[in-house]
Amino acid sequence: PMAAAMTALQAWIKGLSTGSLFIIGAVIGACMGLDMGGPINKTASMAANALYADHPEGIGAGAEAAKIIGGMTPPLGIGIATLIAPKKFTSEERDAGISCIPMGLCFITEGVLPFAANDPARVIPSSMIGSAVASGLAMMFCKTQAAHGVFVLPVTENWPMFLVALAVGSGITAIIYAVIKKPLVESEVKEEEVTDDLDINIG
């Protein structure tokens, strides 16, 4: 049943190829941001690869750009959120957020998984929205012949727009999650204060 569902989803994404480029990219991006390396993510990735195999110089190259940006946006966005709203995160979460940024640049979406496991109701929608916007823009304006993180820039058509789409999507994810994330509870705040005091004394 799972294989049939994934096949149907892949066929649906490929079937969108006659419609709006932004919509196609947004669907790919939303799927990439949904389960961060899980089956939906991989199905969207395979659909983009299939489009590229059929149309390597046209819509397929745009789908590859959408796929890459859709996978980069969640870790970058969540990482940025820990920087712009640090008081909402524990020290461990802030450290994890910093590590998410280079992971995102390397197209490692799984960096978001610890955050998604702890707060799925907020992390997943934030990631999906940011990835959808970023991938929609990438699908409209960019094409690439390779598929892995910022390393594709030398072979990406209109690479400045690639960076703009990535920045816009990551910023959207970061702002949404920073706003909707619940503040730390009192026990977590006290633990943070103790940790800060220890850091100061050790220093």
Protein backbone atom coordinates (compact mmCIF):
# COMPACT_ATOMS: atom_id res chain seq x y z
CA PRO A 1 0.00 0.00 0.00
CA MET A 2 2.79 2.45 0.83
CA ALA A 3 4.54 1.74 -2.47
CA ALA A 4 1.29 2.29 -4.36
CA ALA A 5 0.68 5.57 -2.56
CA MET A 6 4.21 6.79 -3.30
CA THR A 7 3.88 5.80 -6.97
CA ALA A 8 0.58 7.66 -7.22
CA LEU A 9 2.10 10.77 -5.61
CA GLN A 10 5.05 10.68 -7.98
CA ALA A 11 2.73 10.32 -10.97
CA TRP A 12 0.61 13.23 -9.74
CA ILE A 13 3.64 15.50 -9.40
CA LYS A 14 4.82 14.55 -12.90
CA GLY A 15 1.29 15.18 -14.16
CA LEU A 16 1.51 18.79 -13.00
CA SER A 17 4.18 19.46 -15.63
CA THR A 18 1.67 21.05 -17.99
CA GLY A 19 0.54 23.61 -15.42
CA SER A 20 1.98 26.62 -13.63
CA LEU A 21 5.70 26.37 -13.00
CA PHE A 22 5.29 27.99 -9.59
CA ILE A 23 2.65 25.44 -8.56
CA ILE A 24 4.80 22.52 -9.71
CA GLY A 25 7.78 23.84 -7.77
CA ALA A 26 5.66 24.64 -4.72
CA VAL A 27 4.29 21.09 -4.61
CA ILE A 28 7.79 19.63 -4.90
CA GLY A 29 9.04 22.00 -2.20
CA ALA A 30 6.16 21.33 0.19
CA CYS A 31 6.77 17.58 -0.13
CA MET A 32 10.50 18.07 0.47
CA GLY A 33 9.73 20.04 3.64
CA LEU A 34 7.05 17.67 4.94
CA ASP A 35 9.05 14.76 6.36
CA MET A 36 12.68 15.88 5.95
CA GLY A 37 14.21 12.91 4.19
CA GLY A 38 11.27 10.55 4.70
CA PRO A 39 9.16 8.76 2.06
CA ILE A 40 7.24 11.86 0.90
CA ASN A 41 10.49 13.78 0.55
CA LYS A 42 12.07 10.94 -1.42
CA THR A 43 9.00 10.58 -3.65
CA ALA A 44 9.11 14.28 -4.57
CA SER A 45 12.82 13.92 -5.22
CA MET A 46 12.22 10.96 -7.53
CA ALA A 47 9.47 12.86 -9.35
CA ALA A 48 11.88 15.76 -9.96
CA ASN A 49 14.50 13.30 -11.19
CA ALA A 50 11.95 11.71 -13.53
CA LEU A 51 11.02 15.11 -14.97
CA TYR A 52 14.70 15.83 -15.46
CA ALA A 53 15.20 12.49 -17.25
CA ASP A 54 12.35 13.35 -19.64
CA HIS A 55 13.18 17.06 -20.11
CA PRO A 56 16.83 17.66 -19.13
CA GLU A 57 17.05 21.05 -20.81
CA GLY A 58 13.64 22.42 -19.83
CA ILE A 59 11.14 21.82 -17.07
CA GLY A 60 13.21 18.96 -15.68
CA ALA A 61 16.17 21.23 -14.95
CA GLY A 62 13.79 23.58 -13.17
CA ALA A 63 12.40 20.68 -11.14
CA GLU A 64 15.93 19.77 -10.04
CA ALA A 65 16.47 23.34 -8.83
CA ALA A 66 13.14 23.22 -6.99
CA LYS A 67 14.07 19.90 -5.38
CA ILE A 68 17.43 21.13 -4.14
CA ILE A 69 16.09 24.37 -2.69
CA GLY A 70 13.12 22.56 -1.15
CA GLY A 71 15.51 20.33 0.77
CA MET A 72 17.88 23.13 1.78
CA THR A 73 15.26 25.52 3.12
CA PRO A 74 14.03 23.67 6.27
CA PRO A 75 17.40 23.31 8.04
CA LEU A 76 18.46 26.81 7.05
CA GLY A 77 15.15 28.29 8.19
CA ILE A 78 15.07 26.48 11.53
CA GLY A 79 18.72 27.30 12.11
CA ILE A 80 18.05 31.00 11.48
CA ALA A 81 15.02 30.87 13.80
CA THR A 82 17.26 29.82 16.69
CA LEU A 83 19.39 32.91 15.99
CA ILE A 84 16.60 35.47 15.74
CA ALA A 85 14.60 34.15 18.73
CA PRO A 86 17.27 32.61 20.99
CA LYS A 87 15.24 32.99 24.18
CA LYS A 88 12.68 30.52 22.86
CA PHE A 89 15.28 27.77 22.55
CA THR A 90 17.41 25.83 25.01
CA SER A 91 21.18 25.94 24.69
CA GLU A 92 21.12 22.44 23.15
CA GLU A 93 18.55 23.58 20.58
CA ARG A 94 20.60 26.66 19.75
CA ASP A 95 23.67 24.50 19.21
CA ALA A 96 21.64 22.16 17.01
CA GLY A 97 20.29 25.17 15.12
CA ILE A 98 23.79 26.39 14.33
CA SER A 99 24.71 22.95 12.97
CA CYS A 100 21.55 23.01 10.81
CA ILE A 101 22.90 25.90 8.75
CA PRO A 102 25.90 24.13 7.15
CA MET A 103 23.77 20.99 6.84
CA GLY A 104 21.17 22.97 4.92
CA LEU A 105 23.80 24.41 2.60
CA CYS A 106 24.89 20.83 1.90
CA PHE A 107 21.31 19.69 1.14
CA ILE A 108 21.02 17.58 4.31
CA THR A 109 17.38 18.14 5.25
CA GLU A 110 17.59 15.60 8.08
CA GLY A 111 19.21 18.24 10.29
CA VAL A 112 15.69 19.41 11.13
CA LEU A 113 14.56 16.03 12.46
CA PRO A 114 15.35 16.70 16.17
CA PHE A 115 13.24 19.87 16.02
CA ALA A 116 10.45 18.15 14.09
CA ALA A 117 10.38 15.28 16.58
CA ASN A 118 10.03 17.66 19.54
CA ASP A 119 7.61 20.13 17.96
CA PRO A 120 6.07 18.65 14.77
CA ALA A 121 2.91 20.78 14.80
CA ARG A 122 4.98 23.95 14.37
CA VAL A 123 8.17 22.83 12.64
CA ILE A 124 6.53 20.92 9.78
CA PRO A 125 4.14 23.68 8.61
CA SER A 126 6.94 26.26 8.88
CA SER A 127 9.20 24.07 6.77
CA MET A 128 6.55 23.26 4.20
CA ILE A 129 5.54 26.89 3.64
CA GLY A 130 9.10 28.13 3.29
CA SER A 131 10.09 25.27 1.00
CA ALA A 132 6.98 25.72 -1.16
CA VAL A 133 7.69 29.40 -1.77
CA ALA A 134 11.41 28.85 -2.35
CA SER A 135 10.88 25.92 -4.73
CA GLY A 136 8.12 27.71 -6.61
CA LEU A 137 10.45 30.64 -7.28
CA ALA A 138 13.30 28.31 -8.23
CA MET A 139 11.05 26.42 -10.66
CA MET A 140 10.09 29.68 -12.37
CA PHE A 141 13.51 31.26 -12.70
CA CYS A 142 16.28 28.65 -12.32
CA LYS A 143 17.59 25.51 -13.96
CA THR A 144 20.38 23.23 -12.83
CA GLN A 145 22.11 20.19 -14.24
CA ALA A 146 23.30 18.85 -10.88
CA ALA A 147 21.70 18.04 -7.58
CA HIS A 148 23.41 18.77 -4.29
CA GLY A 149 23.31 21.93 -2.18
CA VAL A 150 25.18 25.14 -2.91
CA PHE A 151 27.72 23.10 -4.85
CA VAL A 152 25.40 23.26 -7.88
CA LEU A 153 25.80 27.03 -8.30
CA PRO A 154 28.49 26.78 -11.02
CA VAL A 155 26.10 24.74 -13.20
CA THR A 156 22.92 26.63 -12.30
CA GLU A 157 21.24 28.92 -14.80
CA ASN A 158 20.35 32.26 -13.15
CA TRP A 159 22.20 31.37 -9.93
CA PRO A 160 21.60 34.80 -8.33
CA MET A 161 17.86 34.05 -8.37
CA PHE A 162 18.65 30.61 -6.93
CA LEU A 163 20.21 32.35 -3.92
CA VAL A 164 17.33 34.83 -3.71
CA ALA A 165 14.75 32.00 -3.68
CA LEU A 166 16.74 30.16 -1.03
CA ALA A 167 17.00 33.28 1.13
CA VAL A 168 13.30 34.10 0.77
CA GLY A 169 12.16 30.57 1.62
CA SER A 170 14.57 30.20 4.53
CA GLY A 171 13.53 33.59 5.87
CA ILE A 172 9.85 32.65 5.69
CA THR A 173 10.46 29.40 7.58
CA ALA A 174 12.60 31.20 10.16
CA ILE A 175 10.09 33.98 10.80
CA ILE A 176 7.08 31.68 10.99
CA TYR A 177 8.74 29.28 13.40
CA ALA A 178 10.27 32.03 15.53
CA VAL A 179 6.81 33.59 15.92
CA ILE A 180 4.73 30.47 16.54
CA LYS A 181 7.19 28.53 18.70
CA LYS A 182 6.08 28.35 22.30
CA PRO A 183 8.36 30.11 24.83
CA LEU A 184 10.39 27.95 27.19
CA VAL A 185 8.51 26.76 30.27
CA GLU A 186 9.66 27.91 33.70
CA SER A 187 11.68 24.77 34.44
CA GLU A 188 13.55 25.12 31.13
CA VAL A 189 14.25 28.79 31.82
CA LYS A 190 15.72 27.95 35.24
CA GLU A 191 17.84 25.22 33.70
CA GLU A 192 19.13 27.70 31.14
CA GLU A 193 20.01 30.19 33.89
CA VAL A 194 21.95 27.51 35.75
CA THR A 195 23.78 26.57 32.57
CA ASP A 196 24.62 30.20 31.86
CA ASP A 197 25.96 30.65 35.39
CA LEU A 198 28.16 27.57 35.01
CA ASP A 199 29.48 28.85 31.70
CA ILE A 200 30.33 32.19 33.28
CA ASN A 201 32.09 30.58 36.25
CA ILE A 202 34.04 28.21 34.04
CA GLY A 203 35.08 31.09 31.82
